[in-house]
PDB file of all heavy atoms in Angstrom:
ATOM      1  N   ILE A   1       0.838  -1.224   0.003  1.00  0.00           N
ATOM      2  CA  ILE A   1       0.012   0.044   0.013  1.00  0.00           C
ATOM      3  C   ILE A   1       0.869   1.207   0.017  1.00  0.00           C
ATOM      4  O   ILE A   1       0.603   2.190  -0.746  1.00  0.00           O
ATOM      5  CB  ILE A   1      -0.927  -0.038   1.202  1.00  0.00           C
ATOM      6  CG1 ILE A   1      -1.987  -1.164   1.058  1.00  0.00           C
ATOM      7  CG2 ILE A   1      -1.628   1.349   1.411  1.00  0.00           C
ATOM      8  CD1 ILE A   1      -2.739  -1.441   2.271  1.00  0.00           C
ATOM      9  N   HIS A   2       1.889   1.230   0.788  1.00  0.00           N
ATOM     10  CA  HIS A   2       2.813   2.325   0.883  1.00  0.00           C
ATOM     11  C   HIS A   2       3.485   2.609  -0.459  1.00  0.00           C
ATOM     12  O   HIS A   2       3.548   3.718  -0.962  1.00  0.00           O
ATOM     13  CB  HIS A   2       3.854   2.094   2.019  1.00  0.00           C
ATOM     14  CG  HIS A   2       4.971   3.128   1.960  1.00  0.00           C
ATOM     15  ND1 HIS A   2       4.907   4.371   2.609  1.00  0.00           N
ATOM     16  CD2 HIS A   2       6.213   3.113   1.345  1.00  0.00           C
ATOM     17  CE1 HIS A   2       5.988   5.066   2.416  1.00  0.00           C
ATOM     18  NE2 HIS A   2       6.786   4.308   1.656  1.00  0.00           N
ATOM     19  N   ALA A   3       4.082   1.554  -1.042  1.00  0.00           N
ATOM     20  CA  ALA A   3       4.839   1.687  -2.304  1.00  0.00           C
ATOM     21  C   ALA A   3       3.939   2.237  -3.326  1.00  0.00           C
ATOM     22  O   ALA A   3       4.386   3.163  -4.126  1.00  0.00           O
ATOM     23  CB  ALA A   3       5.350   0.311  -2.707  1.00  0.00           C
ATOM     24  N   GLU A   4       2.734   1.734  -3.466  1.00  0.00           N
ATOM     25  CA  GLU A   4       1.847   2.198  -4.578  1.00  0.00           C
ATOM     26  C   GLU A   4       1.407   3.633  -4.345  1.00  0.00           C
ATOM     27  O   GLU A   4       1.259   4.370  -5.353  1.00  0.00           O
ATOM     28  CB  GLU A   4       0.656   1.202  -4.683  1.00  0.00           C
ATOM     29  CG  GLU A   4       1.105  -0.144  -5.184  1.00  0.00           C
ATOM     30  CD  GLU A   4       0.039  -1.119  -5.341  1.00  0.00           C
ATOM     31  OE1 GLU A   4      -1.115  -0.852  -4.991  1.00  0.00           O
ATOM     32  OE2 GLU A   4       0.304  -2.284  -5.805  1.00  0.00           O
ATOM     33  N   ALA A   5       1.259   4.065  -3.086  1.00  0.00           N
ATOM     34  CA  ALA A   5       0.968   5.498  -2.861  1.00  0.00           C
ATOM     35  C   ALA A   5       2.192   6.381  -3.253  1.00  0.00           C
ATOM     36  O   ALA A   5       1.932   7.458  -3.802  1.00  0.00           O
ATOM     37  CB  ALA A   5       0.627   5.699  -1.381  1.00  0.00           C
ATOM     38  N   GLU A   6       3.369   5.902  -2.971  1.00  0.00           N
ATOM     39  CA  GLU A   6       4.570   6.634  -3.327  1.00  0.00           C
ATOM     40  C   GLU A   6       4.696   6.807  -4.829  1.00  0.00           C
ATOM     41  O   GLU A   6       5.059   7.841  -5.369  1.00  0.00           O
ATOM     42  CB  GLU A   6       5.818   5.960  -2.741  1.00  0.00           C
ATOM     43  CG  GLU A   6       5.956   6.104  -1.283  1.00  0.00           C
ATOM     44  CD  GLU A   6       6.108   7.549  -0.839  1.00  0.00           C
ATOM     45  OE1 GLU A   6       7.029   8.278  -1.350  1.00  0.00           O
ATOM     46  OE2 GLU A   6       5.348   7.933   0.021  1.00  0.00           O
ATOM     47  N   LEU A   7       4.461   5.683  -5.537  1.00  0.00           N
ATOM     48  CA  LEU A   7       4.504   5.744  -7.033  1.00  0.00           C
ATOM     49  C   LEU A   7       3.570   6.724  -7.627  1.00  0.00           C
ATOM     50  O   LEU A   7       3.901   7.431  -8.612  1.00  0.00           O
ATOM     51  CB  LEU A   7       4.278   4.331  -7.622  1.00  0.00           C
ATOM     52  CG  LEU A   7       5.376   3.277  -7.283  1.00  0.00           C
ATOM     53  CD1 LEU A   7       4.940   1.909  -7.701  1.00  0.00           C
ATOM     54  CD2 LEU A   7       6.697   3.630  -7.925  1.00  0.00           C
ATOM     55  N   LYS A   8       2.406   6.875  -7.057  1.00  0.00           N
ATOM     56  CA  LYS A   8       1.390   7.796  -7.582  1.00  0.00           C
ATOM     57  C   LYS A   8       1.862   9.240  -7.392  1.00  0.00           C
ATOM     58  O   LYS A   8       1.471  10.148  -8.205  1.00  0.00           O
ATOM     59  CB  LYS A   8       0.039   7.573  -6.866  1.00  0.00           C
ATOM     60  CG  LYS A   8      -0.640   6.314  -7.288  1.00  0.00           C
ATOM     61  CD  LYS A   8      -1.946   6.137  -6.590  1.00  0.00           C
ATOM     62  CE  LYS A   8      -2.696   4.833  -7.020  1.00  0.00           C
ATOM     63  NZ  LYS A   8      -3.941   4.568  -6.349  1.00  0.00           N
ATOM     64  N   LYS A   9       2.702   9.464  -6.425  1.00  0.00           N
ATOM     65  CA  LYS A   9       3.227  10.831  -6.232  1.00  0.00           C
ATOM     66  C   LYS A   9       3.959  11.393  -7.480  1.00  0.00           C
ATOM     67  O   LYS A   9       3.890  12.543  -7.784  1.00  0.00           O
ATOM     68  CB  LYS A   9       4.176  10.889  -5.027  1.00  0.00           C
ATOM     69  CG  LYS A   9       3.532  10.729  -3.661  1.00  0.00           C
ATOM     70  CD  LYS A   9       4.588  10.861  -2.568  1.00  0.00           C
ATOM     71  CE  LYS A   9       3.997  10.693  -1.187  1.00  0.00           C
ATOM     72  NZ  LYS A   9       5.064  10.772  -0.143  1.00  0.00           N
ATOM     73  N   LEU A  10       4.598  10.447  -8.168  1.00  0.00           N
ATOM     74  CA  LEU A  10       5.401  10.851  -9.381  1.00  0.00           C
ATOM     75  C   LEU A  10       4.762  10.211 -10.602  1.00  0.00           C
ATOM     76  O   LEU A  10       5.438  10.225 -11.683  1.00  0.00           O
ATOM     77  CB  LEU A  10       6.847  10.362  -9.228  1.00  0.00           C
ATOM     78  CG  LEU A  10       7.829  11.406  -8.592  1.00  0.00           C
ATOM     79  CD1 LEU A  10       7.514  11.571  -7.141  1.00  0.00           C
ATOM     80  CD2 LEU A  10       9.293  10.933  -8.775  1.00  0.00           C
ATOM     81  N   ASP A  11       3.499   9.846 -10.552  1.00  0.00           N
ATOM     82  CA  ASP A  11       2.782   9.330 -11.686  1.00  0.00           C
ATOM     83  C   ASP A  11       3.572   8.135 -12.313  1.00  0.00           C
ATOM     84  O   ASP A  11       3.618   7.978 -13.490  1.00  0.00           O
ATOM     85  CB  ASP A  11       2.566  10.407 -12.707  1.00  0.00           C
ATOM     86  CG  ASP A  11       1.532   9.955 -13.787  1.00  0.00           C
ATOM     87  OD1 ASP A  11       0.660   9.139 -13.441  1.00  0.00           O
ATOM     88  OD2 ASP A  11       1.621  10.477 -14.930  1.00  0.00           O
ATOM     89  N   LEU A  12       4.051   7.241 -11.483  1.00  0.00           N
ATOM     90  CA  LEU A  12       4.881   6.089 -11.936  1.00  0.00           C
ATOM     91  C   LEU A  12       4.066   4.780 -11.812  1.00  0.00           C
ATOM     92  O   LEU A  12       4.676   3.694 -12.082  1.00  0.00           O
ATOM     93  CB  LEU A  12       6.155   5.993 -11.098  1.00  0.00           C
ATOM     94  CG  LEU A  12       7.178   7.136 -11.323  1.00  0.00           C
ATOM     95  CD1 LEU A  12       8.385   6.965 -10.405  1.00  0.00           C
ATOM     96  CD2 LEU A  12       7.641   7.206 -12.744  1.00  0.00           C
ATOM     97  N   GLN A  13       2.824   4.825 -11.456  1.00  0.00           N
ATOM     98  CA  GLN A  13       2.094   3.593 -11.086  1.00  0.00           C
ATOM     99  C   GLN A  13       1.868   2.684 -12.330  1.00  0.00           C
ATOM    100  O   GLN A  13       1.696   1.478 -12.194  1.00  0.00           O
ATOM    101  CB  GLN A  13       0.734   3.934 -10.467  1.00  0.00           C
ATOM    102  CG  GLN A  13      -0.212   4.630 -11.440  1.00  0.00           C
ATOM    103  CD  GLN A  13      -0.122   6.153 -11.367  1.00  0.00           C
ATOM    104  OE1 GLN A  13       0.867   6.632 -10.964  1.00  0.00           O
ATOM    105  NE2 GLN A  13      -1.151   6.847 -11.795  1.00  0.00           N
ATOM    106  N   ASN A  14       1.939   3.284 -13.487  1.00  0.00           N
ATOM    107  CA  ASN A  14       1.841   2.419 -14.686  1.00  0.00           C
ATOM    108  C   ASN A  14       3.195   1.927 -15.231  1.00  0.00           C
ATOM    109  O   ASN A  14       3.227   0.971 -15.986  1.00  0.00           O
ATOM    110  CB  ASN A  14       1.073   3.212 -15.867  1.00  0.00           C
ATOM    111  CG  ASN A  14      -0.359   3.505 -15.437  1.00  0.00           C
ATOM    112  OD1 ASN A  14      -1.012   2.674 -14.833  1.00  0.00           O
ATOM    113  ND2 ASN A  14      -0.785   4.724 -15.831  1.00  0.00           N
ATOM    114  N   LEU A  15       4.219   2.561 -14.839  1.00  0.00           N
ATOM    115  CA  LEU A  15       5.587   2.163 -15.248  1.00  0.00           C
ATOM    116  C   LEU A  15       6.201   1.102 -14.324  1.00  0.00           C
ATOM    117  O   LEU A  15       6.762   0.179 -14.781  1.00  0.00           O
ATOM    118  CB  LEU A  15       6.536   3.398 -15.334  1.00  0.00           C
ATOM    119  CG  LEU A  15       7.995   3.092 -15.638  1.00  0.00           C
ATOM    120  CD1 LEU A  15       8.070   2.649 -17.157  1.00  0.00           C
ATOM    121  CD2 LEU A  15       8.819   4.348 -15.437  1.00  0.00           C
ATOM    122  N   VAL A  16       6.014   1.348 -13.074  1.00  0.00           N
ATOM    123  CA  VAL A  16       6.672   0.447 -12.008  1.00  0.00           C
ATOM    124  C   VAL A  16       5.597  -0.561 -11.487  1.00  0.00           C
ATOM    125  O   VAL A  16       4.563  -0.196 -10.933  1.00  0.00           O
ATOM    126  CB  VAL A  16       7.188   1.290 -10.821  1.00  0.00           C
ATOM    127  CG1 VAL A  16       7.788   0.400  -9.786  1.00  0.00           C
ATOM    128  CG2 VAL A  16       8.221   2.344 -11.341  1.00  0.00           C
ATOM    129  N   LYS A  17       5.910  -1.814 -11.638  1.00  0.00           N
ATOM    130  CA  LYS A  17       5.024  -2.913 -11.249  1.00  0.00           C
ATOM    131  C   LYS A  17       5.550  -3.718 -10.122  1.00  0.00           C
ATOM    132  O   LYS A  17       6.789  -3.845  -9.926  1.00  0.00           O
ATOM    133  CB  LYS A  17       4.803  -3.840 -12.495  1.00  0.00           C
ATOM    134  CG  LYS A  17       4.203  -3.121 -13.724  1.00  0.00           C
ATOM    135  CD  LYS A  17       2.820  -2.472 -13.367  1.00  0.00           C
ATOM    136  CE  LYS A  17       2.172  -1.882 -14.609  1.00  0.00           C
ATOM    137  NZ  LYS A  17       0.880  -1.208 -14.218  1.00  0.00           N
ATOM    138  N   ARG A  18       4.634  -4.315  -9.369  1.00  0.00           N
ATOM    139  CA  ARG A  18       5.048  -5.143  -8.233  1.00  0.00           C
ATOM    140  C   ARG A  18       5.716  -6.409  -8.759  1.00  0.00           C
ATOM    141  O   ARG A  18       5.241  -7.062  -9.683  1.00  0.00           O
ATOM    142  CB  ARG A  18       3.777  -5.491  -7.399  1.00  0.00           C
ATOM    143  CG  ARG A  18       4.151  -6.396  -6.171  1.00  0.00           C
ATOM    144  CD  ARG A  18       2.871  -6.688  -5.416  1.00  0.00           C
ATOM    145  NE  ARG A  18       3.125  -7.601  -4.274  1.00  0.00           N
ATOM    146  CZ  ARG A  18       3.225  -8.893  -4.377  1.00  0.00           C
ATOM    147  NH1 ARG A  18       2.957  -9.524  -5.547  1.00  0.00           N
ATOM    148  NH2 ARG A  18       3.460  -9.685  -3.326  1.00  0.00           N
ATOM    149  N   PHE A  19       6.806  -6.865  -8.050  1.00  0.00           N
ATOM    150  CA  PHE A  19       7.440  -8.123  -8.317  1.00  0.00           C
ATOM    151  C   PHE A  19       7.490  -8.877  -6.987  1.00  0.00           C
ATOM    152  O   PHE A  19       8.011  -8.363  -5.999  1.00  0.00           O
ATOM    153  CB  PHE A  19       8.876  -7.902  -8.805  1.00  0.00           C
ATOM    154  CG  PHE A  19       9.513  -9.047  -9.494  1.00  0.00           C
ATOM    155  CD1 PHE A  19       9.450  -9.188 -10.862  1.00  0.00           C
ATOM    156  CD2 PHE A  19      10.175 -10.026  -8.709  1.00  0.00           C
ATOM    157  CE1 PHE A  19      10.072 -10.249 -11.507  1.00  0.00           C
ATOM    158  CE2 PHE A  19      10.761 -11.117  -9.331  1.00  0.00           C
ATOM    159  CZ  PHE A  19      10.674 -11.249 -10.740  1.00  0.00           C
ATOM    160  N   PRO A  20       6.871 -10.042  -6.899  1.00  0.00           N
ATOM    161  CA  PRO A  20       6.775 -10.792  -5.621  1.00  0.00           C
ATOM    162  C   PRO A  20       8.158 -11.184  -5.157  1.00  0.00           C
ATOM    163  O   PRO A  20       8.950 -11.787  -5.858  1.00  0.00           O
ATOM    164  CB  PRO A  20       5.902 -12.029  -5.963  1.00  0.00           C
ATOM    165  CG  PRO A  20       5.970 -12.163  -7.432  1.00  0.00           C
ATOM    166  CD  PRO A  20       6.226 -10.800  -7.998  1.00  0.00           C
ATOM    167  N   GLY A  21       8.409 -10.930  -3.885  1.00  0.00           N
ATOM    168  CA  GLY A  21       9.712 -11.215  -3.260  1.00  0.00           C
ATOM    169  C   GLY A  21       9.681 -12.677  -2.756  1.00  0.00           C
ATOM    170  O   GLY A  21       8.706 -13.391  -2.724  1.00  0.00           O
ATOM    171  N   ILE A  22      10.911 -13.121  -2.334  1.00  0.00           N
ATOM    172  CA  ILE A  22      11.133 -14.440  -1.783  1.00  0.00           C
ATOM    173  C   ILE A  22      11.170 -14.358  -0.286  1.00  0.00           C
ATOM    174  O   ILE A  22      12.032 -13.604   0.246  1.00  0.00           O
ATOM    175  CB  ILE A  22      12.444 -15.015  -2.324  1.00  0.00           C
ATOM    176  CG1 ILE A  22      12.396 -15.063  -3.863  1.00  0.00           C
ATOM    177  CG2 ILE A  22      12.730 -16.423  -1.760  1.00  0.00           C
ATOM    178  CD1 ILE A  22      13.795 -15.341  -4.490  1.00  0.00           C
ATOM    179  N   GLU A  23      10.295 -15.089   0.446  1.00  0.00           N
ATOM    180  CA  GLU A  23      10.265 -15.017   1.885  1.00  0.00           C
ATOM    181  C   GLU A  23      11.502 -15.684   2.497  1.00  0.00           C
ATOM    182  O   GLU A  23      11.883 -16.808   2.099  1.00  0.00           O
ATOM    183  CB  GLU A  23       8.976 -15.545   2.388  1.00  0.00           C
ATOM    184  CG  GLU A  23       8.760 -15.290   3.893  1.00  0.00           C
ATOM    185  CD  GLU A  23       7.385 -15.622   4.374  1.00  0.00           C
ATOM    186  OE1 GLU A  23       6.534 -15.872   3.581  1.00  0.00           O
ATOM    187  OE2 GLU A  23       7.184 -15.643   5.599  1.00  0.00           O
ATOM    188  N   ASP A  24      11.998 -15.065   3.564  1.00  0.00           N
ATOM    189  CA  ASP A  24      13.115 -15.648   4.325  1.00  0.00           C
ATOM    190  C   ASP A  24      12.586 -16.703   5.272  1.00  0.00           C
ATOM    191  O   ASP A  24      11.952 -16.361   6.262  1.00  0.00           O
ATOM    192  CB  ASP A  24      13.827 -14.502   5.027  1.00  0.00           C
ATOM    193  CG  ASP A  24      14.979 -15.058   5.925  1.00  0.00           C
ATOM    194  OD1 ASP A  24      15.357 -16.218   5.736  1.00  0.00           O
ATOM    195  OD2 ASP A  24      15.521 -14.309   6.773  1.00  0.00           O
ATOM    196  N   ARG A  25      12.840 -17.952   5.015  1.00  0.00           N
ATOM    197  CA  ARG A  25      12.414 -19.035   5.940  1.00  0.00           C
ATOM    198  C   ARG A  25      13.492 -19.475   6.914  1.00  0.00           C
ATOM    199  O   ARG A  25      13.200 -20.213   7.863  1.00  0.00           O
ATOM    200  CB  ARG A  25      11.977 -20.251   5.039  1.00  0.00           C
ATOM    201  CG  ARG A  25      10.897 -20.000   4.016  1.00  0.00           C
ATOM    202  CD  ARG A  25       9.514 -19.844   4.671  1.00  0.00           C
ATOM    203  NE  ARG A  25       8.519 -19.744   3.647  1.00  0.00           N
ATOM    204  CZ  ARG A  25       7.242 -19.566   3.921  1.00  0.00           C
ATOM    205  NH1 ARG A  25       6.842 -19.492   5.174  1.00  0.00           N
ATOM    206  NH2 ARG A  25       6.344 -19.446   2.941  1.00  0.00           N
ATOM    207  N   ILE A  26      14.668 -18.979   6.681  1.00  0.00           N
ATOM    208  CA  ILE A  26      15.800 -19.399   7.580  1.00  0.00           C
ATOM    209  C   ILE A  26      15.911 -18.498   8.768  1.00  0.00           C
ATOM    210  O   ILE A  26      16.123 -18.869   9.886  1.00  0.00           O
ATOM    211  CB  ILE A  26      17.121 -19.407   6.770  1.00  0.00           C
ATOM    212  CG1 ILE A  26      16.974 -20.455   5.613  1.00  0.00           C
ATOM    213  CG2 ILE A  26      18.280 -19.747   7.667  1.00  0.00           C
ATOM    214  CD1 ILE A  26      18.195 -20.451   4.680  1.00  0.00           C
ATOM    215  N   ARG A  27      15.815 -17.175   8.521  1.00  0.00           N
ATOM    216  CA  ARG A  27      15.836 -16.146   9.502  1.00  0.00           C
ATOM    217  C   ARG A  27      17.031 -16.173  10.405  1.00  0.00           C
ATOM    218  O   ARG A  27      17.021 -16.170  11.604  1.00  0.00           O
ATOM    219  CB  ARG A  27      14.556 -16.212  10.370  1.00  0.00           C
ATOM    220  CG  ARG A  27      13.278 -15.954   9.573  1.00  0.00           C
ATOM    221  CD  ARG A  27      12.048 -16.003  10.403  1.00  0.00           C
ATOM    222  NE  ARG A  27      12.015 -14.949  11.423  1.00  0.00           N
ATOM    223  CZ  ARG A  27      11.649 -13.693  11.219  1.00  0.00           C
ATOM    224  NH1 ARG A  27      11.307 -13.308   9.953  1.00  0.00           N
ATOM    225  NH2 ARG A  27      11.537 -12.840  12.171  1.00  0.00           N
ATOM    226  N   LYS A  28      18.157 -16.183   9.750  1.00  0.00           N
ATOM    227  CA  LYS A  28      19.493 -15.984  10.379  1.00  0.00           C
ATOM    228  C   LYS A  28      20.056 -14.720   9.905  1.00  0.00           C
ATOM    229  O   LYS A  28      19.513 -14.018   9.119  1.00  0.00           O
ATOM    230  CB  LYS A  28      20.365 -17.214  10.151  1.00  0.00           C
ATOM    231  CG  LYS A  28      19.873 -18.507  10.774  1.00  0.00           C
ATOM    232  CD  LYS A  28      20.927 -19.615  10.507  1.00  0.00           C
ATOM    233  CE  LYS A  28      20.416 -20.936  11.185  1.00  0.00           C
ATOM    234  NZ  LYS A  28      21.401 -22.046  10.982  1.00  0.00           N
ATOM    235  N   GLU A  29      21.238 -14.353  10.434  1.00  0.00           N
ATOM    236  CA  GLU A  29      21.800 -13.127  10.111  1.00  0.00           C
ATOM    237  C   GLU A  29      21.984 -12.926   8.615  1.00  0.00           C
ATOM    238  O   GLU A  29      22.601 -13.679   7.933  1.00  0.00           O
ATOM    239  CB  GLU A  29      23.220 -12.950  10.785  1.00  0.00           C
ATOM    240  CG  GLU A  29      23.849 -11.608  10.601  1.00  0.00           C
ATOM    241  CD  GLU A  29      25.178 -11.459  11.312  1.00  0.00           C
ATOM    242  OE1 GLU A  29      25.640 -12.438  11.941  1.00  0.00           O
ATOM    243  OE2 GLU A  29      25.773 -10.413  11.239  1.00  0.00           O
ATOM    244  N   LYS A  30      21.401 -11.818   8.087  1.00  0.00           N
ATOM    245  CA  LYS A  30      21.498 -11.414   6.726  1.00  0.00           C
ATOM    246  C   LYS A  30      20.772 -12.279   5.746  1.00  0.00           C
ATOM    247  O   LYS A  30      20.779 -11.998   4.539  1.00  0.00           O
ATOM    248  CB  LYS A  30      22.949 -11.197   6.319  1.00  0.00           C
ATOM    249  CG  LYS A  30      23.663 -10.046   7.048  1.00  0.00           C
ATOM    250  CD  LYS A  30      25.073  -9.834   6.604  1.00  0.00           C
ATOM    251  CE  LYS A  30      25.114  -9.224   5.258  1.00  0.00           C
ATOM    252  NZ  LYS A  30      26.594  -8.909   4.896  1.00  0.00           N
ATOM    253  N   THR A  31      20.151 -13.373   6.186  1.00  0.00           N
ATOM    254  CA  THR A  31      19.465 -14.263   5.218  1.00  0.00           C
ATOM    255  C   THR A  31      18.267 -13.522   4.494  1.00  0.00           C
ATOM    256  O   THR A  31      17.980 -13.784   3.382  1.00  0.00           O
ATOM    257  CB  THR A  31      18.932 -15.535   5.875  1.00  0.00           C
ATOM    258  OG1 THR A  31      18.137 -15.232   7.032  1.00  0.00           O
ATOM    259  CG2 THR A  31      20.134 -16.415   6.295  1.00  0.00           C
ATOM    260  N   GLY A  32      17.666 -12.610   5.252  1.00  0.00           N
ATOM    261  CA  GLY A  32      16.591 -11.785   4.607  1.00  0.00           C
ATOM    262  C   GLY A  32      17.146 -10.924   3.525  1.00  0.00           C
ATOM    263  O   GLY A  32      16.536 -10.727   2.497  1.00  0.00           O
ATOM    264  N   HIS A  33      18.394 -10.388   3.710  1.00  0.00           N
ATOM    265  CA  HIS A  33      18.969  -9.619   2.664  1.00  0.00           C
ATOM    266  C   HIS A  33      19.348 -10.454   1.461  1.00  0.00           C
ATOM    267  O   HIS A  33      19.328  -9.962   0.289  1.00  0.00           O
ATOM    268  CB  HIS A  33      20.258  -8.923   3.234  1.00  0.00           C
ATOM    269  CG  HIS A  33      19.995  -7.967   4.326  1.00  0.00           C
ATOM    270  ND1 HIS A  33      19.306  -6.821   4.183  1.00  0.00           N
ATOM    271  CD2 HIS A  33      20.258  -8.026   5.699  1.00  0.00           C
ATOM    272  CE1 HIS A  33      19.179  -6.114   5.367  1.00  0.00           C
ATOM    273  NE2 HIS A  33      19.729  -6.899   6.283  1.00  0.00           N
TER     274      HIS A  33
END
């Protein structure tokens, strides 16, 4: 919701599309990164 609101500020909602991320199942240091 936040990202899409930000994109509308610069009229980028049609250019920039959502890409689904990969969830961190290990949850150790830096694995989320």
